[in-house]
PDB file of all heavy atoms in Angstrom:
ATOM      1  N   ALA A   1      85.243  99.446  85.208  1.00  0.00           N
ATOM      2  CA  ALA A   1      86.100  98.366  84.706  1.00  0.00           C
ATOM      3  C   ALA A   1      86.509  98.649  83.268  1.00  0.00           C
ATOM      4  O   ALA A   1      85.667  98.884  82.407  1.00  0.00           O
ATOM      5  CB  ALA A   1      85.384  97.030  84.805  1.00  0.00           C
ATOM      6  N   SER A   2      87.810  98.627  83.023  1.00  0.00           N
ATOM      7  CA  SER A   2      88.314  98.862  81.669  1.00  0.00           C
ATOM      8  C   SER A   2      88.466  97.563  80.895  1.00  0.00           C
ATOM      9  O   SER A   2      88.585  97.582  79.671  1.00  0.00           O
ATOM     10  CB  SER A   2      89.657  99.594  81.734  1.00  0.00           C
ATOM     11  OG  SER A   2      90.576  98.854  82.516  1.00  0.00           O
ATOM     12  N   SER A   3      88.448  96.449  81.612  1.00  0.00           N
ATOM     13  CA  SER A   3      88.566  95.144  80.971  1.00  0.00           C
ATOM     14  C   SER A   3      87.824  94.113  81.808  1.00  0.00           C
ATOM     15  O   SER A   3      87.931  94.117  83.039  1.00  0.00           O
ATOM     16  CB  SER A   3      90.044  94.772  80.851  1.00  0.00           C
ATOM     17  OG  SER A   3      90.189  93.483  80.327  1.00  0.00           O
ATOM     18  N   LEU A   4      87.066  93.251  81.144  1.00  0.00           N
ATOM     19  CA  LEU A   4      86.316  92.212  81.846  1.00  0.00           C
ATOM     20  C   LEU A   4      86.178  90.995  80.936  1.00  0.00           C
ATOM     21  O   LEU A   4      85.791  91.135  79.771  1.00  0.00           O
ATOM     22  CB  LEU A   4      84.930  92.719  82.234  1.00  0.00           C
ATOM     23  CG  LEU A   4      83.977  91.700  82.847  1.00  0.00           C
ATOM     24  CD1 LEU A   4      84.515  91.154  84.172  1.00  0.00           C
ATOM     25  CD2 LEU A   4      82.607  92.313  83.046  1.00  0.00           C
ATOM     26  N   LYS A   5      86.523  89.846  81.471  1.00  0.00           N
ATOM     27  CA  LYS A   5      86.387  88.596  80.720  1.00  0.00           C
ATOM     28  C   LYS A   5      85.891  87.516  81.671  1.00  0.00           C
ATOM     29  O   LYS A   5      86.453  87.316  82.739  1.00  0.00           O
ATOM     30  CB  LYS A   5      87.741  88.197  80.123  1.00  0.00           C
ATOM     31  CG  LYS A   5      87.713  86.941  79.286  1.00  0.00           C
ATOM     32  CD  LYS A   5      89.053  86.757  78.595  1.00  0.00           C
ATOM     33  CE  LYS A   5      89.594  85.386  78.864  1.00  0.00           C
ATOM     34  NZ  LYS A   5      90.908  85.133  78.287  1.00  0.00           N
ATOM     35  N   VAL A   6      84.814  86.847  81.286  1.00  0.00           N
ATOM     36  CA  VAL A   6      84.247  85.742  82.066  1.00  0.00           C
ATOM     37  C   VAL A   6      84.224  84.518  81.163  1.00  0.00           C
ATOM     38  O   VAL A   6      83.677  84.568  80.066  1.00  0.00           O
ATOM     39  CB  VAL A   6      82.809  86.063  82.544  1.00  0.00           C
ATOM     40  CG1 VAL A   6      82.227  84.894  83.316  1.00  0.00           C
ATOM     41  CG2 VAL A   6      82.792  87.330  83.385  1.00  0.00           C
ATOM     42  N   VAL A   7      84.826  83.414  81.631  1.00  0.00           N
ATOM     43  CA  VAL A   7      84.910  82.200  80.826  1.00  0.00           C
ATOM     44  C   VAL A   7      84.521  80.989  81.666  1.00  0.00           C
ATOM     45  O   VAL A   7      85.024  80.807  82.785  1.00  0.00           O
ATOM     46  CB  VAL A   7      86.337  81.989  80.279  1.00  0.00           C
ATOM     47  CG1 VAL A   7      86.421  80.719  79.442  1.00  0.00           C
ATOM     48  CG2 VAL A   7      86.785  83.190  79.461  1.00  0.00           C
ATOM     49  N   ASP A   8      83.625  80.179  81.130  1.00  0.00           N
ATOM     50  CA  ASP A   8      83.266  78.899  81.748  1.00  0.00           C
ATOM     51  C   ASP A   8      84.407  77.932  81.439  1.00  0.00           C
ATOM     52  O   ASP A   8      84.595  77.546  80.287  1.00  0.00           O
ATOM     53  CB  ASP A   8      81.948  78.390  81.164  1.00  0.00           C
ATOM     54  CG  ASP A   8      81.504  77.055  81.748  1.00  0.00           C
ATOM     55  OD1 ASP A   8      82.316  76.388  82.418  1.00  0.00           O
ATOM     56  OD2 ASP A   8      80.349  76.681  81.511  1.00  0.00           O
ATOM     57  N   ILE A   9      85.183  77.558  82.450  1.00  0.00           N
ATOM     58  CA  ILE A   9      86.329  76.671  82.234  1.00  0.00           C
ATOM     59  C   ILE A   9      86.012  75.232  82.641  1.00  0.00           C
ATOM     60  O   ILE A   9      86.902  74.401  82.763  1.00  0.00           O
ATOM     61  CB  ILE A   9      87.590  77.181  82.966  1.00  0.00           C
ATOM     62  CG1 ILE A   9      87.348  77.347  84.460  1.00  0.00           C
ATOM     63  CG2 ILE A   9      88.072  78.479  82.336  1.00  0.00           C
ATOM     64  CD1 ILE A   9      88.594  77.662  85.257  1.00  0.00           C
ATOM     65  N   SER A  10      84.728  74.948  82.805  1.00  0.00           N
ATOM     66  CA  SER A  10      84.322  73.594  83.213  1.00  0.00           C
ATOM     67  C   SER A  10      83.938  72.741  82.012  1.00  0.00           C
ATOM     68  O   SER A  10      83.428  71.648  82.175  1.00  0.00           O
ATOM     69  CB  SER A  10      83.143  73.671  84.176  1.00  0.00           C
ATOM     70  OG  SER A  10      82.012  74.227  83.534  1.00  0.00           O
ATOM     71  N   GLY A  11      84.150  73.255  80.826  1.00  0.00           N
ATOM     72  CA  GLY A  11      83.772  72.506  79.639  1.00  0.00           C
ATOM     73  C   GLY A  11      82.343  72.760  79.207  1.00  0.00           C
ATOM     74  O   GLY A  11      81.784  72.027  78.408  1.00  0.00           O
ATOM     75  N   GLY A  12      81.728  73.785  79.776  1.00  0.00           N
ATOM     76  CA  GLY A  12      80.384  74.157  79.359  1.00  0.00           C
ATOM     77  C   GLY A  12      79.280  73.802  80.332  1.00  0.00           C
ATOM     78  O   GLY A  12      78.129  74.165  80.121  1.00  0.00           O
ATOM     79  N   CYS A  13      79.610  73.103  81.419  1.00  0.00           N
ATOM     80  CA  CYS A  13      78.548  72.701  82.350  1.00  0.00           C
ATOM     81  C   CYS A  13      78.240  73.779  83.395  1.00  0.00           C
ATOM     82  O   CYS A  13      77.279  73.661  84.140  1.00  0.00           O
ATOM     83  CB  CYS A  13      78.889  71.372  83.018  1.00  0.00           C
ATOM     84  SG  CYS A  13      80.215  71.454  84.222  1.00  0.00           S
ATOM     85  N   GLY A  14      79.053  74.839  83.463  1.00  0.00           N
ATOM     86  CA  GLY A  14      78.771  75.935  84.379  1.00  0.00           C
ATOM     87  C   GLY A  14      79.218  75.705  85.812  1.00  0.00           C
ATOM     88  O   GLY A  14      78.765  76.378  86.718  1.00  0.00           O
ATOM     89  N   ALA A  15      80.128  74.758  86.020  1.00  0.00           N
ATOM     90  CA  ALA A  15      80.569  74.448  87.380  1.00  0.00           C
ATOM     91  C   ALA A  15      81.751  75.294  87.832  1.00  0.00           C
ATOM     92  O   ALA A  15      81.944  75.518  89.017  1.00  0.00           O
ATOM     93  CB  ALA A  15      80.932  72.971  87.490  1.00  0.00           C
ATOM     94  N   MET A  16      82.547  75.807  86.878  1.00  0.00           N
ATOM     95  CA  MET A  16      83.734  76.576  87.253  1.00  0.00           C
ATOM     96  C   MET A  16      83.966  77.696  86.240  1.00  0.00           C
ATOM     97  O   MET A  16      83.856  77.485  85.035  1.00  0.00           O
ATOM     98  CB  MET A  16      84.965  75.674  87.317  1.00  0.00           C
ATOM     99  CG  MET A  16      86.175  76.365  87.871  1.00  0.00           C
ATOM    100  SD  MET A  16      87.392  75.152  88.402  1.00  0.00           S
ATOM    101  CE  MET A  16      88.663  76.241  88.988  1.00  0.00           C
ATOM    102  N   TYR A  17      84.288  78.862  86.750  1.00  0.00           N
ATOM    103  CA  TYR A  17      84.495  80.033  85.904  1.00  0.00           C
ATOM    104  C   TYR A  17      85.828  80.685  86.214  1.00  0.00           C
ATOM    105  O   TYR A  17      86.354  80.570  87.321  1.00  0.00           O
ATOM    106  CB  TYR A  17      83.371  81.059  86.130  1.00  0.00           C
ATOM    107  CG  TYR A  17      82.064  80.597  85.578  1.00  0.00           C
ATOM    108  CD1 TYR A  17      81.213  79.802  86.332  1.00  0.00           C
ATOM    109  CD2 TYR A  17      81.683  80.916  84.288  1.00  0.00           C
ATOM    110  CE1 TYR A  17      80.017  79.345  85.820  1.00  0.00           C
ATOM    111  CE2 TYR A  17      80.487  80.467  83.761  1.00  0.00           C
ATOM    112  CZ  TYR A  17      79.656  79.680  84.539  1.00  0.00           C
ATOM    113  OH  TYR A  17      78.475  79.225  84.014  1.00  0.00           O
ATOM    114  N   GLU A  18      86.328  81.392  85.208  1.00  0.00           N
ATOM    115  CA  GLU A  18      87.525  82.201  85.366  1.00  0.00           C
ATOM    116  C   GLU A  18      87.141  83.630  85.017  1.00  0.00           C
ATOM    117  O   GLU A  18      86.517  83.867  83.977  1.00  0.00           O
ATOM    118  CB  GLU A  18      88.625  81.690  84.445  1.00  0.00           C
ATOM    119  CG  GLU A  18      89.937  82.425  84.634  1.00  0.00           C
ATOM    120  CD  GLU A  18      91.069  81.735  83.897  1.00  0.00           C
ATOM    121  OE1 GLU A  18      91.505  80.659  84.354  1.00  0.00           O
ATOM    122  OE2 GLU A  18      91.492  82.275  82.861  1.00  0.00           O
ATOM    123  N   ILE A  19      87.494  84.548  85.898  1.00  0.00           N
ATOM    124  CA  ILE A  19      87.141  85.954  85.720  1.00  0.00           C
ATOM    125  C   ILE A  19      88.417  86.789  85.731  1.00  0.00           C
ATOM    126  O   ILE A  19      89.243  86.660  86.632  1.00  0.00           O
ATOM    127  CB  ILE A  19      86.202  86.428  86.849  1.00  0.00           C
ATOM    128  CG1 ILE A  19      84.863  85.694  86.748  1.00  0.00           C
ATOM    129  CG2 ILE A  19      86.013  87.935  86.806  1.00  0.00           C
ATOM    130  CD1 ILE A  19      83.969  85.902  87.939  1.00  0.00           C
ATOM    131  N   HIS A  20      88.546  87.616  84.708  1.00  0.00           N
ATOM    132  CA  HIS A  20      89.626  88.603  84.640  1.00  0.00           C
ATOM    133  C   HIS A  20      88.953  89.963  84.621  1.00  0.00           C
ATOM    134  O   HIS A  20      88.134  90.237  83.740  1.00  0.00           O
ATOM    135  CB  HIS A  20      90.444  88.430  83.356  1.00  0.00           C
ATOM    136  CG  HIS A  20      91.188  87.141  83.293  1.00  0.00           C
ATOM    137  ND1 HIS A  20      92.523  87.053  83.600  1.00  0.00           N
ATOM    138  CD2 HIS A  20      90.788  85.889  82.972  1.00  0.00           C
ATOM    139  CE1 HIS A  20      92.915  85.795  83.460  1.00  0.00           C
ATOM    140  NE2 HIS A  20      91.878  85.075  83.079  1.00  0.00           N
ATOM    141  N   ILE A  21      89.291  90.794  85.596  1.00  0.00           N
ATOM    142  CA  ILE A  21      88.687  92.127  85.638  1.00  0.00           C
ATOM    143  C   ILE A  21      89.743  93.157  86.028  1.00  0.00           C
ATOM    144  O   ILE A  21      90.515  92.956  86.962  1.00  0.00           O
ATOM    145  CB  ILE A  21      87.464  92.171  86.593  1.00  0.00           C
ATOM    146  CG1 ILE A  21      86.808  93.549  86.583  1.00  0.00           C
ATOM    147  CG2 ILE A  21      87.827  91.721  87.980  1.00  0.00           C
ATOM    148  CD1 ILE A  21      85.444  93.597  87.256  1.00  0.00           C
ATOM    149  N   GLU A  22      89.763  94.235  85.270  1.00  0.00           N
ATOM    150  CA  GLU A  22      90.684  95.337  85.521  1.00  0.00           C
ATOM    151  C   GLU A  22      89.843  96.583  85.765  1.00  0.00           C
ATOM    152  O   GLU A  22      89.026  96.954  84.926  1.00  0.00           O
ATOM    153  CB  GLU A  22      91.581  95.530  84.297  1.00  0.00           C
ATOM    154  CG  GLU A  22      92.649  96.562  84.481  1.00  0.00           C
ATOM    155  CD  GLU A  22      93.540  96.641  83.261  1.00  0.00           C
ATOM    156  OE1 GLU A  22      94.404  95.766  83.095  1.00  0.00           O
ATOM    157  OE2 GLU A  22      93.363  97.603  82.462  1.00  0.00           O
ATOM    158  N   SER A  23      90.030  97.195  86.928  1.00  0.00           N
ATOM    159  CA  SER A  23      89.220  98.362  87.258  1.00  0.00           C
ATOM    160  C   SER A  23      89.982  99.306  88.181  1.00  0.00           C
ATOM    161  O   SER A  23      90.695  98.868  89.097  1.00  0.00           O
ATOM    162  CB  SER A  23      87.924  97.921  87.963  1.00  0.00           C
ATOM    163  OG  SER A  23      87.165  99.056  88.329  1.00  0.00           O
ATOM    164  N   SER A  24      89.797 100.587  87.952  1.00  0.00           N
ATOM    165  CA  SER A  24      90.415 101.588  88.828  1.00  0.00           C
ATOM    166  C   SER A  24      89.791 101.549  90.223  1.00  0.00           C
ATOM    167  O   SER A  24      90.359 102.074  91.176  1.00  0.00           O
ATOM    168  CB  SER A  24      90.280 102.986  88.211  1.00  0.00           C
ATOM    169  OG  SER A  24      88.920 103.294  88.007  1.00  0.00           O
ATOM    170  N   GLU A  25      88.648 100.895  90.347  1.00  0.00           N
ATOM    171  CA  GLU A  25      87.998 100.763  91.651  1.00  0.00           C
ATOM    172  C   GLU A  25      88.804  99.873  92.606  1.00  0.00           C
ATOM    173  O   GLU A  25      88.573  99.876  93.809  1.00  0.00           O
ATOM    174  CB  GLU A  25      86.582 100.192  91.476  1.00  0.00           C
ATOM    175  CG  GLU A  25      85.676 101.204  90.781  1.00  0.00           C
ATOM    176  CD  GLU A  25      84.552 100.554  90.004  1.00  0.00           C
ATOM    177  OE1 GLU A  25      84.839  99.742  89.100  1.00  0.00           O
ATOM    178  OE2 GLU A  25      83.391 100.880  90.295  1.00  0.00           O
ATOM    179  N   PHE A  26      89.770  99.141  92.078  1.00  0.00           N
ATOM    180  CA  PHE A  26      90.627  98.293  92.900  1.00  0.00           C
ATOM    181  C   PHE A  26      91.862  99.030  93.414  1.00  0.00           C
ATOM    182  O   PHE A  26      92.615  98.495  94.220  1.00  0.00           O
ATOM    183  CB  PHE A  26      91.091  97.062  92.115  1.00  0.00           C
ATOM    184  CG  PHE A  26      89.981  96.142  91.703  1.00  0.00           C
ATOM    185  CD1 PHE A  26      89.982  95.571  90.446  1.00  0.00           C
ATOM    186  CD2 PHE A  26      88.927  95.832  92.559  1.00  0.00           C
ATOM    187  CE1 PHE A  26      88.979  94.706  90.039  1.00  0.00           C
ATOM    188  CE2 PHE A  26      87.914  94.974  92.173  1.00  0.00           C
ATOM    189  CZ  PHE A  26      87.940  94.405  90.915  1.00  0.00           C
ATOM    190  N   LYS A  27      92.059 100.258  92.946  1.00  0.00           N
ATOM    191  CA  LYS A  27      93.253 101.019  93.318  1.00  0.00           C
ATOM    192  C   LYS A  27      93.338 101.185  94.839  1.00  0.00           C
ATOM    193  O   LYS A  27      92.357 101.526  95.499  1.00  0.00           O
ATOM    194  CB  LYS A  27      93.242 102.386  92.645  1.00  0.00           C
ATOM    195  CG  LYS A  27      94.532 103.143  92.816  1.00  0.00           C
ATOM    196  CD  LYS A  27      94.545 104.412  91.999  1.00  0.00           C
ATOM    197  CE  LYS A  27      95.906 105.069  92.146  1.00  0.00           C
ATOM    198  NZ  LYS A  27      96.026 106.239  91.314  1.00  0.00           N
ATOM    199  N   GLY A  28      94.521 100.903  95.375  1.00  0.00           N
ATOM    200  CA  GLY A  28      94.749 101.048  96.810  1.00  0.00           C
ATOM    201  C   GLY A  28      94.299  99.851  97.633  1.00  0.00           C
ATOM    202  O   GLY A  28      94.475  99.832  98.848  1.00  0.00           O
ATOM    203  N   LYS A  29      93.721  98.854  96.994  1.00  0.00           N
ATOM    204  CA  LYS A  29      93.256  97.658  97.710  1.00  0.00           C
ATOM    205  C   LYS A  29      94.214  96.506  97.448  1.00  0.00           C
ATOM    206  O   LYS A  29      94.744  96.357  96.352  1.00  0.00           O
ATOM    207  CB  LYS A  29      91.850  97.290  97.253  1.00  0.00           C
ATOM    208  CG  LYS A  29      90.805  98.309  97.662  1.00  0.00           C
ATOM    209  CD  LYS A  29      89.434  97.890  97.180  1.00  0.00           C
ATOM    210  CE  LYS A  29      88.342  98.805  97.666  1.00  0.00           C
ATOM    211  NZ  LYS A  29      88.557 100.206  97.517  1.00  0.00           N
ATOM    212  N   ARG A  30      94.433  95.702  98.475  1.00  0.00           N
ATOM    213  CA  ARG A  30      95.246  94.495  98.304  1.00  0.00           C
ATOM    214  C   ARG A  30      94.485  93.491  97.452  1.00  0.00           C
ATOM    215  O   ARG A  30      93.258  93.575  97.326  1.00  0.00           O
ATOM    216  CB  ARG A  30      95.573  93.887  99.674  1.00  0.00           C
ATOM    217  CG  ARG A  30      96.485  94.791 100.520  1.00  0.00           C
ATOM    218  CD  ARG A  30      96.676  94.244 101.897  1.00  0.00           C
ATOM    219  NE  ARG A  30      95.345  94.208 102.529  1.00  0.00           N
ATOM    220  CZ  ARG A  30      94.984  93.368 103.484  1.00  0.00           C
ATOM    221  NH1 ARG A  30      95.822  92.493 103.953  1.00  0.00           N
ATOM    222  NH2 ARG A  30      93.775  93.401 103.992  1.00  0.00           N
ATOM    223  N   THR A  31      95.210  92.542  96.893  1.00  0.00           N
ATOM    224  CA  THR A  31      94.591  91.538  96.024  1.00  0.00           C
ATOM    225  C   THR A  31      93.454  90.814  96.727  1.00  0.00           C
ATOM    226  O   THR A  31      92.387  90.609  96.146  1.00  0.00           O
ATOM    227  CB  THR A  31      95.650  90.524  95.537  1.00  0.00           C
ATOM    228  OG1 THR A  31      96.679  91.239  94.845  1.00  0.00           O
ATOM    229  CG2 THR A  31      95.048  89.499  94.606  1.00  0.00           C
TER     230      THR A  31
END
């Protein structure tokens, strides 16, 4: 992974997260 970001978007209670990940391991795979 060349880029990775994990953010708790629930206001800090840990109920919902947003993940952004960029990796060459995804090459050739559909979303």
